[in-house]
Amino acid sequence: MIKTLTRGTVPLEYVEYGDAGAPPLLLLHGWAQDHRLFRHLAPLLAEDHRVLCLNFRGHDGRLTDVGDFTADDLAEDVLEVIDRLELEDVRMLSTSHGCWVNIEVHDRLGARSIGRTVVVDWLMQPFEGFHTLIREGCAPETVVAARRGLFDEWTEGTDNIDVIDHVNREMTWFGERMWMRACREIQKSYAEWGDPLKRMTRLQDGLRVRHVYSQPLAAGYRQFQEDFARQNPWFEPVHIPGRTHFPTLESPAAVAEAVRSFYA
């Protein structure tokens, strides 16, 4: 059952699993996604947690037109949900560029943060082709082609029906205006911080991060993260063999195990 909180005139939907008395675990999707990204993962995590899958503003089932908004607005919404639901020592898991929101929330929580979080398939070392597609995704005349380029990169070599359906039906459903907004906000984040590792380093004294990922597939990308982790013990990369950008759909049991062991 989808529940709804209202922040002013903005509906904030969430789906809840598990025992209400268990430790809370808030799942945050990326842009142009919703709670369906966690349909296989949430029931597994609910064995140990009260799992809440939040739909960001504008990502509700009615695609409510709430006007333009930013990643900062999404972070404020998450903080509102935490306060309204009186979630104490809340754990978080975020995916893709919803992770910028996750880290911003922990930054703003300060001493209220539990001091650890999970990020899933967040591009730690962006490449020029990625920046090109994000830049082209900001413009009405190139957004559709840019989105297709990202989809092809994320799903190359898979026949996983959940992943294919998520990309071609669920993510496309949000429309070009949302995609342009997403690309604008992603571009802003990389322009401000350079890459996610620099963003998280700001909180290194108070936040331990586990990065659970499958893509990119290159061995050099895995080595890059392992080398960084040796110098920065607050960062823990966990590679899950897979073909796609969506391990919560492709490999939910492996993701759940990585989350459980981290928060145990």
Protein backbone atom coordinates (compact mmCIF):
# COMPACT_ATOMS: atom_id res chain seq x y z
CA MET A 1 0.00 0.00 0.00
CA ILE A 2 1.30 3.46 -0.93
CA LYS A 3 1.13 6.00 1.89
CA THR A 4 1.39 9.76 1.43
CA LEU A 5 2.70 12.66 3.45
CA THR A 6 2.08 16.20 2.26
CA ARG A 7 4.71 18.90 2.54
CA GLY A 8 2.79 22.07 1.80
CA THR A 9 1.08 21.14 -1.45
CA VAL A 10 3.71 18.53 -2.42
CA PRO A 11 2.74 14.86 -2.03
CA LEU A 12 5.52 12.56 -0.81
CA GLU A 13 4.65 8.91 -1.31
CA TYR A 14 6.29 5.96 0.37
CA VAL A 15 5.80 2.20 0.53
CA GLU A 16 6.53 0.45 3.82
CA TYR A 17 7.66 -3.12 4.50
CA GLY A 18 8.48 -5.03 7.68
CA ASP A 19 7.97 -4.59 11.41
CA ALA A 20 7.27 -1.01 12.47
CA GLY A 21 9.43 -1.61 15.55
CA ALA A 22 12.51 -2.70 13.60
CA PRO A 23 15.40 -0.34 12.82
CA PRO A 24 14.30 2.04 10.02
CA LEU A 25 15.92 1.79 6.59
CA LEU A 26 15.06 4.46 4.04
CA LEU A 27 15.52 3.55 0.35
CA LEU A 28 16.06 6.43 -2.09
CA HIS A 29 15.81 5.93 -5.86
CA GLY A 30 17.48 8.01 -8.56
CA TRP A 31 15.97 10.56 -10.93
CA ALA A 32 13.10 9.29 -13.12
CA GLN A 33 12.60 6.22 -10.92
CA ASP A 34 10.35 5.31 -8.01
CA HIS A 35 9.73 2.62 -5.39
CA ARG A 36 9.42 -0.05 -8.08
CA LEU A 37 13.22 -0.07 -8.32
CA PHE A 38 13.20 -1.84 -4.93
CA ARG A 39 10.38 -4.32 -5.52
CA HIS A 40 12.72 -7.32 -5.12
CA LEU A 41 15.13 -5.82 -2.60
CA ALA A 42 12.73 -4.30 -0.06
CA PRO A 43 11.09 -7.60 1.02
CA LEU A 44 14.54 -9.11 1.65
CA LEU A 45 15.68 -6.16 3.75
CA ALA A 46 12.36 -6.19 5.64
CA GLU A 47 13.47 -9.38 7.40
CA ASP A 48 15.67 -7.16 9.58
CA HIS A 49 14.40 -3.60 9.09
CA ARG A 50 11.40 -1.36 8.81
CA VAL A 51 11.91 -0.52 5.14
CA LEU A 52 10.48 2.68 3.67
CA CYS A 53 10.75 3.25 -0.09
CA LEU A 54 10.27 6.98 -0.66
CA ASN A 55 9.12 8.48 -3.96
CA PHE A 56 10.75 11.85 -4.52
CA ARG A 57 8.55 14.88 -5.23
CA GLY A 58 7.19 14.83 -8.76
CA HIS A 59 7.82 11.07 -8.90
CA ASP A 60 4.52 10.03 -7.34
CA GLY A 61 2.01 7.82 -9.11
CA ARG A 62 0.11 10.80 -10.53
CA LEU A 63 3.26 12.61 -11.68
CA THR A 64 1.98 15.61 -9.74
CA ASP A 65 3.14 18.88 -11.28
CA VAL A 66 4.89 20.58 -8.36
CA GLY A 67 6.76 23.05 -10.56
CA ASP A 68 10.49 23.06 -10.98
CA PHE A 69 12.67 21.70 -8.17
CA THR A 70 16.27 20.88 -7.36
CA ALA A 71 18.28 18.17 -5.63
CA ASP A 72 18.34 20.45 -2.57
CA ASP A 73 14.54 20.32 -2.49
CA LEU A 74 14.72 16.52 -2.52
CA ALA A 75 17.11 16.56 0.44
CA GLU A 76 14.74 18.82 2.37
CA ASP A 77 11.88 16.45 1.57
CA VAL A 78 13.83 13.49 2.96
CA LEU A 79 14.57 15.40 6.15
CA GLU A 80 10.87 16.24 6.43
CA VAL A 81 9.92 12.57 6.11
CA ILE A 82 12.48 11.58 8.75
CA ASP A 83 11.06 14.16 11.16
CA ARG A 84 7.38 13.54 10.42
CA LEU A 85 7.73 9.77 10.81
CA GLU A 86 9.99 10.26 13.86
CA LEU A 87 12.67 7.98 12.43
CA GLU A 88 15.58 7.65 14.86
CA ASP A 89 18.99 6.25 13.87
CA VAL A 90 17.69 5.89 10.34
CA ARG A 91 19.75 3.84 7.91
CA MET A 92 19.77 4.85 4.25
CA LEU A 93 20.39 3.26 0.89
CA SER A 94 20.38 5.28 -2.31
CA THR A 95 20.94 4.50 -5.96
CA SER A 96 22.64 6.28 -8.84
CA HIS A 97 22.38 10.07 -8.64
CA GLY A 98 19.87 9.88 -5.81
CA CYS A 99 23.10 9.38 -3.85
CA TRP A 100 23.88 13.10 -4.04
CA VAL A 101 20.66 13.57 -2.06
CA ASN A 102 21.63 10.86 0.42
CA ILE A 103 24.98 12.46 1.21
CA GLU A 104 23.44 15.93 1.46
CA VAL A 105 20.89 14.59 3.96
CA HIS A 106 23.64 13.11 6.12
CA ASP A 107 25.53 16.39 5.93
CA ARG A 108 22.47 18.26 7.18
CA LEU A 109 21.63 15.67 9.85
CA GLY A 110 25.00 16.25 11.48
CA ALA A 111 25.10 14.57 14.89
CA ARG A 112 21.72 12.93 14.18
CA SER A 113 23.29 10.84 11.41
CA ILE A 114 23.92 7.19 12.26
CA GLY A 115 27.35 7.65 10.68
CA ARG A 116 27.10 5.19 7.81
CA THR A 117 25.23 4.79 4.56
CA VAL A 118 24.99 2.59 1.46
CA VAL A 119 25.23 3.97 -2.07
CA VAL A 120 24.44 1.75 -5.05
CA ASP A 121 25.99 2.03 -8.52
CA TRP A 122 27.04 5.67 -8.28
CA LEU A 123 29.57 6.72 -10.92
CA MET A 124 32.70 7.48 -8.89
CA GLN A 125 34.95 8.23 -11.85
CA PRO A 126 32.94 9.91 -14.63
CA PHE A 127 34.21 9.71 -18.20
CA GLU A 128 33.88 12.25 -20.97
CA GLY A 129 31.12 10.36 -22.78
CA PHE A 130 28.99 10.46 -19.64
CA HIS A 131 29.38 14.21 -19.29
CA THR A 132 28.48 14.64 -22.96
CA LEU A 133 25.25 12.65 -22.57
CA ILE A 134 24.30 14.57 -19.42
CA ARG A 135 24.96 17.89 -21.15
CA GLU A 136 22.89 16.82 -24.17
CA GLY A 137 20.16 15.59 -21.82
CA CYS A 138 19.60 19.17 -20.66
CA ALA A 139 18.38 20.34 -24.08
CA PRO A 140 14.92 19.66 -25.59
CA GLU A 141 16.33 18.89 -29.04
CA THR A 142 18.78 16.23 -27.80
CA VAL A 143 17.26 14.84 -24.59
CA VAL A 144 15.62 11.77 -26.18
CA ALA A 145 18.80 10.66 -27.96
CA ALA A 146 20.90 11.32 -24.85
CA ARG A 147 18.54 9.28 -22.70
CA ARG A 148 18.76 6.42 -25.19
CA GLY A 149 22.54 6.58 -25.01
CA LEU A 150 22.46 6.26 -21.23
CA PHE A 151 19.96 3.40 -21.41
CA ASP A 152 22.17 1.51 -23.86
CA GLU A 153 25.21 1.96 -21.65
CA TRP A 154 23.37 0.86 -18.52
CA THR A 155 21.77 -2.27 -19.98
CA GLU A 156 24.33 -3.51 -22.50
CA GLY A 157 24.41 -7.28 -22.77
CA THR A 158 21.46 -8.11 -20.50
CA ASP A 159 18.24 -10.01 -21.12
CA ASN A 160 16.96 -9.45 -17.57
CA ILE A 161 13.27 -8.68 -18.06
CA ASP A 162 13.00 -6.62 -14.84
CA VAL A 163 15.83 -4.36 -15.95
CA ILE A 164 14.54 -4.01 -19.52
CA ASP A 165 11.04 -3.19 -18.27
CA HIS A 166 12.37 -0.70 -15.74
CA VAL A 167 14.33 1.18 -18.40
CA ASN A 168 11.96 1.09 -21.34
CA ARG A 169 8.68 1.52 -19.47
CA GLU A 170 9.16 2.80 -15.93
CA MET A 171 11.98 5.31 -16.43
CA THR A 172 10.67 6.55 -19.78
CA TRP A 173 7.25 7.17 -18.17
CA PHE A 174 8.59 10.23 -16.35
CA GLY A 175 8.95 12.18 -19.58
CA GLU A 176 11.47 14.53 -21.13
CA ARG A 177 10.91 17.45 -18.76
CA MET A 178 11.91 15.34 -15.76
CA TRP A 179 14.92 14.00 -17.65
CA MET A 180 16.12 17.50 -18.51
CA ARG A 181 15.71 18.52 -14.87
CA ALA A 182 17.63 15.44 -13.78
CA CYS A 183 20.49 16.12 -16.17
CA ARG A 184 20.64 19.74 -15.06
CA GLU A 185 20.91 18.75 -11.39
CA ILE A 186 23.44 15.96 -12.05
CA GLN A 187 25.54 18.37 -14.10
CA LYS A 188 25.41 20.90 -11.25
CA SER A 189 26.58 18.31 -8.72
CA TYR A 190 29.60 17.23 -10.77
CA ALA A 191 30.44 20.87 -11.53
CA GLU A 192 30.42 21.71 -7.81
CA TRP A 193 32.18 18.63 -6.46
CA GLY A 194 34.10 17.08 -9.35
CA ASP A 195 33.09 13.55 -8.42
CA PRO A 196 31.22 11.70 -5.64
CA LEU A 197 34.41 10.74 -3.81
CA LYS A 198 35.27 14.40 -3.27
CA ARG A 199 31.72 15.03 -2.02
CA MET A 200 31.87 12.17 0.47
CA THR A 201 35.39 13.07 1.62
CA ARG A 202 33.93 16.21 3.16
CA LEU A 203 32.15 13.94 5.66
CA GLN A 204 34.92 11.39 6.08
CA ASP A 205 35.25 11.99 9.82
CA GLY A 206 31.58 11.27 10.44
CA LEU A 207 30.33 9.01 7.67
CA ARG A 208 31.33 5.52 6.59
CA VAL A 209 30.16 4.62 3.08
CA ARG A 210 29.70 1.25 1.40
CA HIS A 211 29.46 1.44 -2.40
CA VAL A 212 27.65 -1.58 -3.87
CA TYR A 213 28.00 -1.65 -7.64
CA SER A 214 28.20 -3.63 -10.88
CA GLN A 215 28.93 -1.03 -13.57
CA PRO A 216 31.19 0.11 -15.16
CA LEU A 217 32.42 -3.37 -16.03
CA ALA A 218 36.10 -2.47 -16.57
CA ALA A 219 38.57 -4.04 -14.14
CA GLY A 220 40.36 -0.70 -13.95
CA TYR A 221 37.30 0.90 -12.37
CA ARG A 222 37.28 -1.73 -9.62
CA GLN A 223 41.02 -1.23 -9.07
CA PHE A 224 40.55 2.53 -8.88
CA GLN A 225 38.03 2.14 -6.03
CA GLU A 226 40.11 -0.43 -4.17
CA ASP A 227 43.15 1.85 -4.34
CA PHE A 228 41.07 4.76 -3.03
CA ALA A 229 39.68 2.60 -0.20
CA ARG A 230 43.17 1.62 0.97
CA GLN A 231 43.95 5.30 1.48
CA ASN A 232 40.48 6.17 2.80
CA PRO A 233 39.16 3.50 5.19
CA TRP A 234 35.77 5.22 5.50
CA PHE A 235 35.01 4.07 1.92
CA GLU A 236 34.18 0.41 1.21
CA PRO A 237 33.56 -0.70 -2.40
CA VAL A 238 31.66 -3.97 -2.83
CA HIS A 239 31.57 -5.25 -6.39
CA ILE A 240 28.61 -7.47 -7.32
CA PRO A 241 29.08 -9.35 -10.60
CA GLY A 242 26.37 -8.21 -12.99
CA ARG A 243 25.77 -6.67 -16.40
CA THR A 244 23.65 -3.64 -15.62
CA HIS A 245 23.35 -0.35 -13.75
CA PHE A 246 20.49 -1.80 -11.67
CA PRO A 247 21.79 -4.38 -9.16
CA THR A 248 18.70 -3.91 -6.97
CA LEU A 249 16.75 -5.56 -9.82
CA GLU A 250 19.43 -7.81 -11.28
CA SER A 251 21.04 -9.10 -8.05
CA PRO A 252 18.75 -8.22 -5.12
CA ALA A 253 19.94 -11.05 -2.83
CA ALA A 254 23.58 -9.96 -3.17
CA VAL A 255 22.67 -6.32 -2.53
CA ALA A 256 20.61 -7.31 0.52
CA GLU A 257 23.52 -9.28 1.96
CA ALA A 258 25.88 -6.34 1.46
CA VAL A 259 23.41 -4.05 3.24
CA ARG A 260 22.76 -6.45 6.13
CA SER A 261 26.44 -7.04 6.85
CA PHE A 262 27.14 -3.30 6.75
CA TYR A 263 24.38 -2.37 9.17
CA ALA A 264 24.66 -5.43 11.42
